[in-house]
Amino acid sequence: MRLSEFREEIRKEFGDKLEHATPANVREFLDHFQQKLYQNSMPGRMVLNEPKTTYEEIIKDFFSRVLDYPPEEALMLMWTMAFDLSFSALEMQLAERFNTLFGEIGEDN
């Protein structure tokens, strides 16, 4: 996928200023996006052979490998990762806020 196509797809889904992005639809979009992106490059059965044993090692390996990717591919990978992490953090913050509100209501009963 080219960067221009990537931008167009993002803006089509979320608006020019990402005004329609929410934690729920960002997660759903990224799931479908990755499935579409990799469905043709995965021949049948996939074998996981991950030599890294901790999340920290896996993250370091990912960022190290992305440095060697073609610039457009690296940008799209890093953008989608940042987008996902940002909205995941927002989702956790909102869940905490609602949990506090509903927890207080539940305690009063």
PDB file of N, CA and C in Angstrom:
ATOM      1  N   MET A   1       0.845  -1.180   0.000  1.00  0.00           N
ATOM      2  CA  MET A   1       0.000   0.000   0.000  1.00  0.00           C
ATOM      3  C   MET A   1       0.885   1.237   0.000  1.00  0.00           C
ATOM      4  N   ARG A   2       0.511   2.182  -0.785  1.00  0.00           N
ATOM      5  CA  ARG A   2       1.259   3.435  -0.859  1.00  0.00           C
ATOM      6  C   ARG A   2       0.773   4.390   0.244  1.00  0.00           C
ATOM      7  N   LEU A   3       1.639   5.329   0.600  1.00  0.00           N
ATOM      8  CA  LEU A   3       1.325   6.279   1.664  1.00  0.00           C
ATOM      9  C   LEU A   3       0.093   7.113   1.325  1.00  0.00           C
ATOM     10  N   SER A   4      -0.049   7.503   0.080  1.00  0.00           N
ATOM     11  CA  SER A   4      -1.212   8.296  -0.325  1.00  0.00           C
ATOM     12  C   SER A   4      -2.510   7.503  -0.140  1.00  0.00           C
ATOM     13  N   GLU A   5      -2.485   6.214  -0.441  1.00  0.00           N
ATOM     14  CA  GLU A   5      -3.656   5.349  -0.240  1.00  0.00           C
ATOM     15  C   GLU A   5      -3.963   5.195   1.248  1.00  0.00           C
ATOM     16  N   PHE A   6      -2.907   5.069   2.030  1.00  0.00           N
ATOM     17  CA  PHE A   6      -3.035   4.949   3.481  1.00  0.00           C
ATOM     18  C   PHE A   6      -3.719   6.194   4.050  1.00  0.00           C
ATOM     19  N   ARG A   7      -3.215   7.366   3.664  1.00  0.00           N
ATOM     20  CA  ARG A   7      -3.807   8.629   4.132  1.00  0.00           C
ATOM     21  C   ARG A   7      -5.282   8.711   3.741  1.00  0.00           C
ATOM     22  N   GLU A   8      -5.564   8.375   2.496  1.00  0.00           N
ATOM     23  CA  GLU A   8      -6.936   8.446   1.997  1.00  0.00           C
ATOM     24  C   GLU A   8      -7.861   7.525   2.794  1.00  0.00           C
ATOM     25  N   GLU A   9      -7.393   6.318   3.071  1.00  0.00           N
ATOM     26  CA  GLU A   9      -8.208   5.361   3.821  1.00  0.00           C
ATOM     27  C   GLU A   9      -8.459   5.849   5.252  1.00  0.00           C
ATOM     28  N   ILE A  10      -7.439   6.402   5.889  1.00  0.00           N
ATOM     29  CA  ILE A  10      -7.575   6.932   7.253  1.00  0.00           C
ATOM     30  C   ILE A  10      -8.575   8.081   7.268  1.00  0.00           C
ATOM     31  N   ARG A  11      -8.422   9.011   6.351  1.00  0.00           N
ATOM     32  CA  ARG A  11      -9.312  10.182   6.317  1.00  0.00           C
ATOM     33  C   ARG A  11     -10.738   9.801   5.936  1.00  0.00           C
ATOM     34  N   LYS A  12     -10.878   8.827   5.074  1.00  0.00           N
ATOM     35  CA  LYS A  12     -12.211   8.357   4.696  1.00  0.00           C
ATOM     36  C   LYS A  12     -12.924   7.756   5.907  1.00  0.00           C
ATOM     37  N   GLU A  13     -12.183   7.017   6.713  1.00  0.00           N
ATOM     38  CA  GLU A  13     -12.760   6.341   7.879  1.00  0.00           C
ATOM     39  C   GLU A  13     -13.046   7.301   9.036  1.00  0.00           C
ATOM     40  N   PHE A  14     -12.116   8.241   9.300  1.00  0.00           N
ATOM     41  CA  PHE A  14     -12.199   9.050  10.515  1.00  0.00           C
ATOM     42  C   PHE A  14     -12.413  10.544  10.292  1.00  0.00           C
ATOM     43  N   GLY A  15     -12.398  10.995   9.048  1.00  0.00           N
ATOM     44  CA  GLY A  15     -12.529  12.421   8.756  1.00  0.00           C
ATOM     45  C   GLY A  15     -11.171  13.072   8.578  1.00  0.00           C
ATOM     46  N   ASP A  16     -11.166  14.256   7.974  1.00  0.00           N
ATOM     47  CA  ASP A  16      -9.910  14.957   7.669  1.00  0.00           C
ATOM     48  C   ASP A  16      -9.078  15.262   8.911  1.00  0.00           C
ATOM     49  N   LYS A  17      -9.738  15.562  10.002  1.00  0.00           N
ATOM     50  CA  LYS A  17      -9.050  15.893  11.268  1.00  0.00           C
ATOM     51  C   LYS A  17      -9.205  14.767  12.290  1.00  0.00           C
ATOM     52  N   LEU A  18      -9.559  13.578  11.824  1.00  0.00           N
ATOM     53  CA  LEU A  18      -9.778  12.396  12.671  1.00  0.00           C
ATOM     54  C   LEU A  18     -10.884  12.630  13.695  1.00  0.00           C
ATOM     55  N   GLU A  19     -11.813  13.510  13.337  1.00  0.00           N
ATOM     56  CA  GLU A  19     -12.876  13.888  14.266  1.00  0.00           C
ATOM     57  C   GLU A  19     -13.843  12.755  14.587  1.00  0.00           C
ATOM     58  N   HIS A  20     -13.848  11.709  13.799  1.00  0.00           N
ATOM     59  CA  HIS A  20     -14.776  10.601  14.047  1.00  0.00           C
ATOM     60  C   HIS A  20     -14.095   9.406  14.730  1.00  0.00           C
ATOM     61  N   ALA A  21     -12.852   9.584  15.132  1.00  0.00           N
ATOM     62  CA  ALA A  21     -12.110   8.487  15.772  1.00  0.00           C
ATOM     63  C   ALA A  21     -12.539   8.327  17.228  1.00  0.00           C
ATOM     64  N   THR A  22     -12.805   7.088  17.615  1.00  0.00           N
ATOM     65  CA  THR A  22     -13.112   6.739  19.004  1.00  0.00           C
ATOM     66  C   THR A  22     -12.286   5.504  19.354  1.00  0.00           C
ATOM     67  N   PRO A  23     -12.089   5.208  20.624  1.00  0.00           N
ATOM     68  CA  PRO A  23     -11.338   3.997  20.956  1.00  0.00           C
ATOM     69  C   PRO A  23     -11.922   2.741  20.298  1.00  0.00           C
ATOM     70  N   ALA A  24     -13.236   2.637  20.236  1.00  0.00           N
ATOM     71  CA  ALA A  24     -13.860   1.438  19.666  1.00  0.00           C
ATOM     72  C   ALA A  24     -13.647   1.341  18.158  1.00  0.00           C
ATOM     73  N   ASN A  25     -13.905   2.429  17.425  1.00  0.00           N
ATOM     74  CA  ASN A  25     -13.771   2.301  15.972  1.00  0.00           C
ATOM     75  C   ASN A  25     -12.322   2.314  15.508  1.00  0.00           C
ATOM     76  N   VAL A  26     -11.411   2.888  16.297  1.00  0.00           N
ATOM     77  CA  VAL A  26      -9.984   2.812  15.958  1.00  0.00           C
ATOM     78  C   VAL A  26      -9.522   1.361  16.039  1.00  0.00           C
ATOM     79  N   ARG A  27      -9.865   0.676  17.112  1.00  0.00           N
ATOM     80  CA  ARG A  27      -9.473  -0.727  17.278  1.00  0.00           C
ATOM     81  C   ARG A  27     -10.044  -1.580  16.146  1.00  0.00           C
ATOM     82  N   GLU A  28     -11.324  -1.375  15.839  1.00  0.00           N
ATOM     83  CA  GLU A  28     -11.978  -2.136  14.779  1.00  0.00           C
ATOM     84  C   GLU A  28     -11.316  -1.862  13.421  1.00  0.00           C
ATOM     85  N   PHE A  29     -11.050  -0.597  13.132  1.00  0.00           N
ATOM     86  CA  PHE A  29     -10.410  -0.235  11.867  1.00  0.00           C
ATOM     87  C   PHE A  29      -9.027  -0.865  11.746  1.00  0.00           C
ATOM     88  N   LEU A  30      -8.231  -0.764  12.808  1.00  0.00           N
ATOM     89  CA  LEU A  30      -6.873  -1.304  12.752  1.00  0.00           C
ATOM     90  C   LEU A  30      -6.886  -2.823  12.592  1.00  0.00           C
ATOM     91  N   ASP A  31      -7.825  -3.499  13.225  1.00  0.00           N
ATOM     92  CA  ASP A  31      -7.947  -4.955  13.044  1.00  0.00           C
ATOM     93  C   ASP A  31      -8.234  -5.295  11.590  1.00  0.00           C
ATOM     94  N   HIS A  32      -9.205  -4.611  10.985  1.00  0.00           N
ATOM     95  CA  HIS A  32      -9.551  -4.865   9.584  1.00  0.00           C
ATOM     96  C   HIS A  32      -8.426  -4.452   8.647  1.00  0.00           C
ATOM     97  N   PHE A  33      -7.784  -3.331   8.956  1.00  0.00           N
ATOM     98  CA  PHE A  33      -6.691  -2.816   8.142  1.00  0.00           C
ATOM     99  C   PHE A  33      -5.533  -3.818   8.090  1.00  0.00           C
ATOM    100  N   GLN A  34      -5.134  -4.316   9.245  1.00  0.00           N
ATOM    101  CA  GLN A  34      -4.027  -5.275   9.288  1.00  0.00           C
ATOM    102  C   GLN A  34      -4.393  -6.585   8.611  1.00  0.00           C
ATOM    103  N   GLN A  35      -5.618  -7.013   8.790  1.00  0.00           N
ATOM    104  CA  GLN A  35      -6.076  -8.239   8.132  1.00  0.00           C
ATOM    105  C   GLN A  35      -6.012  -8.070   6.613  1.00  0.00           C
ATOM    106  N   LYS A  36      -6.494  -6.948   6.116  1.00  0.00           N
ATOM    107  CA  LYS A  36      -6.481  -6.676   4.681  1.00  0.00           C
ATOM    108  C   LYS A  36      -5.053  -6.574   4.154  1.00  0.00           C
ATOM    109  N   LEU A  37      -4.196  -5.922   4.912  1.00  0.00           N
ATOM    110  CA  LEU A  37      -2.821  -5.701   4.499  1.00  0.00           C
ATOM    111  C   LEU A  37      -2.034  -7.002   4.394  1.00  0.00           C
ATOM    112  N   TYR A  38      -2.259  -7.914   5.323  1.00  0.00           N
ATOM    113  CA  TYR A  38      -1.436  -9.115   5.400  1.00  0.00           C
ATOM    114  C   TYR A  38      -2.095 -10.379   4.862  1.00  0.00           C
ATOM    115  N   GLN A  39      -3.354 -10.325   4.469  1.00  0.00           N
ATOM    116  CA  GLN A  39      -4.032 -11.545   4.016  1.00  0.00           C
ATOM    117  C   GLN A  39      -3.397 -12.118   2.760  1.00  0.00           C
ATOM    118  N   ASN A  40      -2.913 -11.286   1.867  1.00  0.00           N
ATOM    119  CA  ASN A  40      -2.316 -11.781   0.635  1.00  0.00           C
ATOM    120  C   ASN A  40      -0.856 -12.190   0.808  1.00  0.00           C
ATOM    121  N   SER A  41      -0.207 -11.700   1.865  1.00  0.00           N
ATOM    122  CA  SER A  41       1.201 -12.022   2.055  1.00  0.00           C
ATOM    123  C   SER A  41       1.413 -13.241   2.956  1.00  0.00           C
ATOM    124  N   MET A  42       0.355 -13.784   3.524  1.00  0.00           N
ATOM    125  CA  MET A  42       0.455 -14.949   4.396  1.00  0.00           C
ATOM    126  C   MET A  42      -0.006 -16.199   3.656  1.00  0.00           C
ATOM    127  N   PRO A  43       0.926 -17.053   3.281  1.00  0.00           N
ATOM    128  CA  PRO A  43       0.541 -18.270   2.552  1.00  0.00           C
ATOM    129  C   PRO A  43       0.094 -19.379   3.503  1.00  0.00           C
ATOM    130  N   GLY A  44      -1.217 -19.539   3.668  1.00  0.00           N
ATOM    131  CA  GLY A  44      -1.749 -20.633   4.477  1.00  0.00           C
ATOM    132  C   GLY A  44      -1.413 -20.534   5.948  1.00  0.00           C
ATOM    133  N   ARG A  45      -0.853 -21.600   6.466  1.00  0.00           N
ATOM    134  CA  ARG A  45      -0.539 -21.719   7.890  1.00  0.00           C
ATOM    135  C   ARG A  45       0.627 -20.804   8.270  1.00  0.00           C
ATOM    136  N   MET A  46       0.485 -20.168   9.412  1.00  0.00           N
ATOM    137  CA  MET A  46       1.534 -19.293   9.909  1.00  0.00           C
ATOM    138  C   MET A  46       2.191 -19.956  11.121  1.00  0.00           C
ATOM    139  N   VAL A  47       3.504 -20.000  11.115  1.00  0.00           N
ATOM    140  CA  VAL A  47       4.251 -20.584  12.221  1.00  0.00           C
ATOM    141  C   VAL A  47       4.925 -19.448  12.984  1.00  0.00           C
ATOM    142  N   LEU A  48       4.632 -19.386  14.274  1.00  0.00           N
ATOM    143  CA  LEU A  48       5.265 -18.377  15.116  1.00  0.00           C
ATOM    144  C   LEU A  48       6.579 -18.934  15.657  1.00  0.00           C
ATOM    145  N   ASN A  49       7.639 -18.234  15.367  1.00  0.00           N
ATOM    146  CA  ASN A  49       8.956 -18.632  15.851  1.00  0.00           C
ATOM    147  C   ASN A  49       9.597 -17.390  16.467  1.00  0.00           C
ATOM    148  N   GLU A  50       9.113 -17.006  17.620  1.00  0.00           N
ATOM    149  CA  GLU A  50       9.577 -15.792  18.277  1.00  0.00           C
ATOM    150  C   GLU A  50      10.640 -16.149  19.309  1.00  0.00           C
ATOM    151  N   PRO A  51      11.907 -15.815  19.008  1.00  0.00           N
ATOM    152  CA  PRO A  51      12.976 -16.144  19.946  1.00  0.00           C
ATOM    153  C   PRO A  51      13.007 -15.229  21.181  1.00  0.00           C
ATOM    154  N   LYS A  52      12.345 -14.085  21.099  1.00  0.00           N
ATOM    155  CA  LYS A  52      12.325 -13.152  22.230  1.00  0.00           C
ATOM    156  C   LYS A  52      11.361 -13.681  23.287  1.00  0.00           C
ATOM    157  N   THR A  53      11.727 -13.495  24.546  1.00  0.00           N
ATOM    158  CA  THR A  53      10.918 -14.086  25.617  1.00  0.00           C
ATOM    159  C   THR A  53      10.171 -13.069  26.471  1.00  0.00           C
ATOM    160  N   THR A  54      10.490 -11.777  26.328  1.00  0.00           N
ATOM    161  CA  THR A  54       9.782 -10.773  27.109  1.00  0.00           C
ATOM    162  C   THR A  54       9.177  -9.731  26.174  1.00  0.00           C
ATOM    163  N   TYR A  55       8.164  -9.060  26.667  1.00  0.00           N
ATOM    164  CA  TYR A  55       7.527  -7.999  25.884  1.00  0.00           C
ATOM    165  C   TYR A  55       8.549  -6.923  25.528  1.00  0.00           C
ATOM    166  N   GLU A  56       9.412  -6.597  26.471  1.00  0.00           N
ATOM    167  CA  GLU A  56      10.437  -5.578  26.228  1.00  0.00           C
ATOM    168  C   GLU A  56      11.348  -5.985  25.064  1.00  0.00           C
ATOM    169  N   GLU A  57      11.764  -7.235  25.022  1.00  0.00           N
ATOM    170  CA  GLU A  57      12.617  -7.701  23.926  1.00  0.00           C
ATOM    171  C   GLU A  57      11.884  -7.655  22.586  1.00  0.00           C
ATOM    172  N   ILE A  58      10.611  -8.020  22.597  1.00  0.00           N
ATOM    173  CA  ILE A  58       9.813  -8.011  21.361  1.00  0.00           C
ATOM    174  C   ILE A  58       9.682  -6.581  20.836  1.00  0.00           C
ATOM    175  N   ILE A  59       9.415  -5.631  21.718  1.00  0.00           N
ATOM    176  CA  ILE A  59       9.283  -4.226  21.322  1.00  0.00           C
ATOM    177  C   ILE A  59      10.609  -3.695  20.773  1.00  0.00           C
ATOM    178  N   LYS A  60      11.682  -3.994  21.446  1.00  0.00           N
ATOM    179  CA  LYS A  60      13.000  -3.542  20.969  1.00  0.00           C
ATOM    180  C   LYS A  60      13.297  -4.124  19.589  1.00  0.00           C
ATOM    181  N   ASP A  61      12.986  -5.391  19.399  1.00  0.00           N
ATOM    182  CA  ASP A  61      13.208  -6.045  18.110  1.00  0.00           C
ATOM    183  C   ASP A  61      12.364  -5.384  17.020  1.00  0.00           C
ATOM    184  N   PHE A  62      11.092  -5.110  17.329  1.00  0.00           N
ATOM    185  CA  PHE A  62      10.201  -4.457  16.370  1.00  0.00           C
ATOM    186  C   PHE A  62      10.767  -3.116  15.939  1.00  0.00           C
ATOM    187  N   PHE A  63      11.114  -2.255  16.897  1.00  0.00           N
ATOM    188  CA  PHE A  63      11.619  -0.925  16.561  1.00  0.00           C
ATOM    189  C   PHE A  63      12.946  -1.001  15.826  1.00  0.00           C
ATOM    190  N   SER A  64      13.770  -1.954  16.172  1.00  0.00           N
ATOM    191  CA  SER A  64      15.040  -2.133  15.486  1.00  0.00           C
ATOM    192  C   SER A  64      14.835  -2.513  14.024  1.00  0.00           C
ATOM    193  N   ARG A  65      13.898  -3.445  13.773  1.00  0.00           N
ATOM    194  CA  ARG A  65      13.624  -3.876  12.398  1.00  0.00           C
ATOM    195  C   ARG A  65      12.971  -2.784  11.571  1.00  0.00           C
ATOM    196  N   VAL A  66      12.095  -1.996  12.183  1.00  0.00           N
ATOM    197  CA  VAL A  66      11.396  -0.933  11.453  1.00  0.00           C
ATOM    198  C   VAL A  66      12.385   0.101  10.915  1.00  0.00           C
ATOM    199  N   LEU A  67      13.496   0.298  11.591  1.00  0.00           N
ATOM    200  CA  LEU A  67      14.510   1.237  11.104  1.00  0.00           C
ATOM    201  C   LEU A  67      15.046   0.853   9.723  1.00  0.00           C
ATOM    202  N   ASP A  68      14.985  -0.418   9.390  1.00  0.00           N
ATOM    203  CA  ASP A  68      15.492  -0.891   8.104  1.00  0.00           C
ATOM    204  C   ASP A  68      14.420  -1.009   7.022  1.00  0.00           C
ATOM    205  N   TYR A  69      13.164  -0.724   7.349  1.00  0.00           N
ATOM    206  CA  TYR A  69      12.081  -0.805   6.376  1.00  0.00           C
ATOM    207  C   TYR A  69      12.150   0.383   5.409  1.00  0.00           C
ATOM    208  N   PRO A  70      11.555   0.227   4.244  1.00  0.00           N
ATOM    209  CA  PRO A  70      11.434   1.388   3.359  1.00  0.00           C
ATOM    210  C   PRO A  70      10.668   2.494   4.086  1.00  0.00           C
ATOM    211  N   PRO A  71      11.029   3.764   3.853  1.00  0.00           N
ATOM    212  CA  PRO A  71      10.442   4.871   4.620  1.00  0.00           C
ATOM    213  C   PRO A  71       8.911   4.893   4.672  1.00  0.00           C
ATOM    214  N   GLU A  72       8.237   4.680   3.544  1.00  0.00           N
ATOM    215  CA  GLU A  72       6.769   4.725   3.554  1.00  0.00           C
ATOM    216  C   GLU A  72       6.186   3.618   4.421  1.00  0.00           C
ATOM    217  N   GLU A  73       6.733   2.435   4.315  1.00  0.00           N
ATOM    218  CA  GLU A  73       6.246   1.307   5.109  1.00  0.00           C
ATOM    219  C   GLU A  73       6.494   1.546   6.595  1.00  0.00           C
ATOM    220  N   ALA A  74       7.685   2.055   6.921  1.00  0.00           N
ATOM    221  CA  ALA A  74       8.010   2.343   8.321  1.00  0.00           C
ATOM    222  C   ALA A  74       7.081   3.407   8.893  1.00  0.00           C
ATOM    223  N   LEU A  75       6.802   4.445   8.113  1.00  0.00           N
ATOM    224  CA  LEU A  75       5.919   5.504   8.580  1.00  0.00           C
ATOM    225  C   LEU A  75       4.524   4.969   8.872  1.00  0.00           C
ATOM    226  N   MET A  76       3.986   4.145   7.973  1.00  0.00           N
ATOM    227  CA  MET A  76       2.648   3.602   8.185  1.00  0.00           C
ATOM    228  C   MET A  76       2.605   2.689   9.402  1.00  0.00           C
ATOM    229  N   LEU A  77       3.644   1.871   9.584  1.00  0.00           N
ATOM    230  CA  LEU A  77       3.695   0.992  10.760  1.00  0.00           C
ATOM    231  C   LEU A  77       3.771   1.798  12.048  1.00  0.00           C
ATOM    232  N   MET A  78       4.632   2.798  12.070  1.00  0.00           N
ATOM    233  CA  MET A  78       4.796   3.596  13.283  1.00  0.00           C
ATOM    234  C   MET A  78       3.543   4.427  13.567  1.00  0.00           C
ATOM    235  N   TRP A  79       2.901   4.955  12.510  1.00  0.00           N
ATOM    236  CA  TRP A  79       1.689   5.744  12.703  1.00  0.00           C
ATOM    237  C   TRP A  79       0.580   4.879  13.267  1.00  0.00           C
ATOM    238  N   THR A  80       0.383   3.688  12.691  1.00  0.00           N
ATOM    239  CA  THR A  80      -0.695   2.826  13.185  1.00  0.00           C
ATOM    240  C   THR A  80      -0.415   2.370  14.618  1.00  0.00           C
ATOM    241  N   MET A  81       0.850   2.119  14.936  1.00  0.00           N
ATOM    242  CA  MET A  81       1.171   1.712  16.304  1.00  0.00           C
ATOM    243  C   MET A  81       0.898   2.857  17.280  1.00  0.00           C
ATOM    244  N   ALA A  82       1.323   4.064  16.939  1.00  0.00           N
ATOM    245  CA  ALA A  82       1.086   5.217  17.806  1.00  0.00           C
ATOM    246  C   ALA A  82      -0.399   5.504  17.946  1.00  0.00           C
ATOM    247  N   PHE A  83      -1.144   5.388  16.853  1.00  0.00           N
ATOM    248  CA  PHE A  83      -2.587   5.610  16.861  1.00  0.00           C
ATOM    249  C   PHE A  83      -3.265   4.599  17.784  1.00  0.00           C
ATOM    250  N   ASP A  84      -2.883   3.349  17.638  1.00  0.00           N
ATOM    251  CA  ASP A  84      -3.435   2.279  18.470  1.00  0.00           C
ATOM    252  C   ASP A  84      -3.110   2.495  19.940  1.00  0.00           C
ATOM    253  N   LEU A  85      -1.853   2.758  20.258  1.00  0.00           N
ATOM    254  CA  LEU A  85      -1.454   2.947  21.651  1.00  0.00           C
ATOM    255  C   LEU A  85      -2.126   4.174  22.276  1.00  0.00           C
ATOM    256  N   SER A  86      -2.239   5.240  21.512  1.00  0.00           N
ATOM    257  CA  SER A  86      -2.865   6.460  22.027  1.00  0.00           C
ATOM    258  C   SER A  86      -4.335   6.233  22.355  1.00  0.00           C
ATOM    259  N   PHE A  87      -5.047   5.567  21.455  1.00  0.00           N
ATOM    260  CA  PHE A  87      -6.466   5.344  21.715  1.00  0.00           C
ATOM    261  C   PHE A  87      -6.683   4.233  22.747  1.00  0.00           C
ATOM    262  N   SER A  88      -5.743   3.317  22.875  1.00  0.00           N
ATOM    263  CA  SER A  88      -5.828   2.319  23.948  1.00  0.00           C
ATOM    264  C   SER A  88      -5.676   3.003  25.312  1.00  0.00           C
ATOM    265  N   ALA A  89      -4.742   3.940  25.384  1.00  0.00           N
ATOM    266  CA  ALA A  89      -4.558   4.686  26.635  1.00  0.00           C
ATOM    267  C   ALA A  89      -5.803   5.505  26.955  1.00  0.00           C
ATOM    268  N   LEU A  90      -6.385   6.110  25.934  1.00  0.00           N
ATOM    269  CA  LEU A  90      -7.611   6.875  26.129  1.00  0.00           C
ATOM    270  C   LEU A  90      -8.740   5.967  26.610  1.00  0.00           C
ATOM    271  N   GLU A  91      -8.834   4.784  26.022  1.00  0.00           N
ATOM    272  CA  GLU A  91      -9.871   3.831  26.429  1.00  0.00           C
ATOM    273  C   GLU A  91      -9.703   3.436  27.896  1.00  0.00           C
ATOM    274  N   MET A  92      -8.461   3.206  28.329  1.00  0.00           N
ATOM    275  CA  MET A  92      -8.214   2.853  29.734  1.00  0.00           C
ATOM    276  C   MET A  92      -8.589   4.013  30.660  1.00  0.00           C
ATOM    277  N   GLN A  93      -8.264   5.233  30.239  1.00  0.00           N
ATOM    278  CA  GLN A  93      -8.601   6.407  31.046  1.00  0.00           C
ATOM    279  C   GLN A  93     -10.115   6.556  31.165  1.00  0.00           C
ATOM    280  N   LEU A  94     -10.825   6.391  30.062  1.00  0.00           N
ATOM    281  CA  LEU A  94     -12.288   6.490  30.099  1.00  0.00           C
ATOM    282  C   LEU A  94     -12.901   5.368  30.939  1.00  0.00           C
ATOM    283  N   ALA A  95     -12.345   4.168  30.838  1.00  0.00           N
ATOM    284  CA  ALA A  95     -12.850   3.041  31.626  1.00  0.00           C
ATOM    285  C   ALA A  95     -12.683   3.327  33.120  1.00  0.00           C
ATOM    286  N   GLU A  96     -11.541   3.895  33.494  1.00  0.00           N
ATOM    287  CA  GLU A  96     -11.315   4.258  34.897  1.00  0.00           C
ATOM    288  C   GLU A  96     -12.339   5.284  35.369  1.00  0.00           C
ATOM    289  N   ARG A  97     -12.569   6.288  34.533  1.00  0.00           N
ATOM    290  CA  ARG A  97     -13.513   7.349  34.888  1.00  0.00           C
ATOM    291  C   ARG A  97     -14.922   6.781  35.059  1.00  0.00           C
ATOM    292  N   PHE A  98     -15.362   5.941  34.126  1.00  0.00           N
ATOM    293  CA  PHE A  98     -16.697   5.362  34.222  1.00  0.00           C
ATOM    294  C   PHE A  98     -16.788   4.362  35.374  1.00  0.00           C
ATOM    295  N   ASN A  99     -15.719   3.638  35.611  1.00  0.00           N
ATOM    296  CA  ASN A  99     -15.704   2.692  36.721  1.00  0.00           C
ATOM    297  C   ASN A  99     -15.880   3.439  38.046  1.00  0.00           C
ATOM    298  N   THR A 100     -15.221   4.572  38.171  1.00  0.00           N
ATOM    299  CA  THR A 100     -15.357   5.381  39.379  1.00  0.00           C
ATOM    300  C   THR A 100     -16.792   5.880  39.530  1.00  0.00           C
ATOM    301  N   LEU A 101     -17.365   6.366  38.432  1.00  0.00           N
ATOM    302  CA  LEU A 101     -18.748   6.855  38.494  1.00  0.00           C
ATOM    303  C   LEU A 101     -19.721   5.743  38.853  1.00  0.00           C
ATOM    304  N   PHE A 102     -19.612   4.617  38.149  1.00  0.00           N
ATOM    305  CA  PHE A 102     -20.554   3.525  38.399  1.00  0.00           C
ATOM    306  C   PHE A 102     -20.259   2.818  39.712  1.00  0.00           C
ATOM    307  N   GLY A 103     -18.998   2.807  40.132  1.00  0.00           N
ATOM    308  CA  GLY A 103     -18.666   2.219  41.419  1.00  0.00           C
ATOM    309  C   GLY A 103     -19.291   2.995  42.559  1.00  0.00           C
ATOM    310  N   GLU A 104     -19.278   4.322  42.439  1.00  0.00           N
ATOM    311  CA  GLU A 104     -19.899   5.162  43.465  1.00  0.00           C
ATOM    312  C   GLU A 104     -21.399   4.959  43.509  1.00  0.00           C
ATOM    313  N   ILE A 105     -22.021   4.814  42.366  1.00  0.00           N
ATOM    314  CA  ILE A 105     -23.461   4.585  42.315  1.00  0.00           C
ATOM    315  C   ILE A 105     -23.789   3.245  42.960  1.00  0.00           C
ATOM    316  N   GLY A 106     -23.016   2.225  42.628  1.00  0.00           N
ATOM    317  CA  GLY A 106     -23.240   0.900  43.176  1.00  0.00           C
ATOM    318  C   GLY A 106     -23.058   0.832  44.679  1.00  0.00           C
ATOM    319  N   GLU A 107     -22.127   1.620  45.226  1.00  0.00           N
ATOM    320  CA  GLU A 107     -21.871   1.611  46.650  1.00  0.00           C
ATOM    321  C   GLU A 107     -22.985   2.277  47.442  1.00  0.00           C
ATOM    322  N   ASP A 108     -23.683   3.213  46.822  1.00  0.00           N
ATOM    323  CA  ASP A 108     -24.757   3.938  47.521  1.00  0.00           C
ATOM    324  C   ASP A 108     -25.972   3.046  47.709  1.00  0.00           C
ATOM    325  N   ASN A 109     -26.130   2.004  46.893  1.00  0.00           N
ATOM    326  CA  ASN A 109     -27.325   1.134  46.997  1.00  0.00           C
ATOM    327  C   ASN A 109     -27.260   0.239  48.177  1.00  0.00           C
TER     328      ASN A 109
END
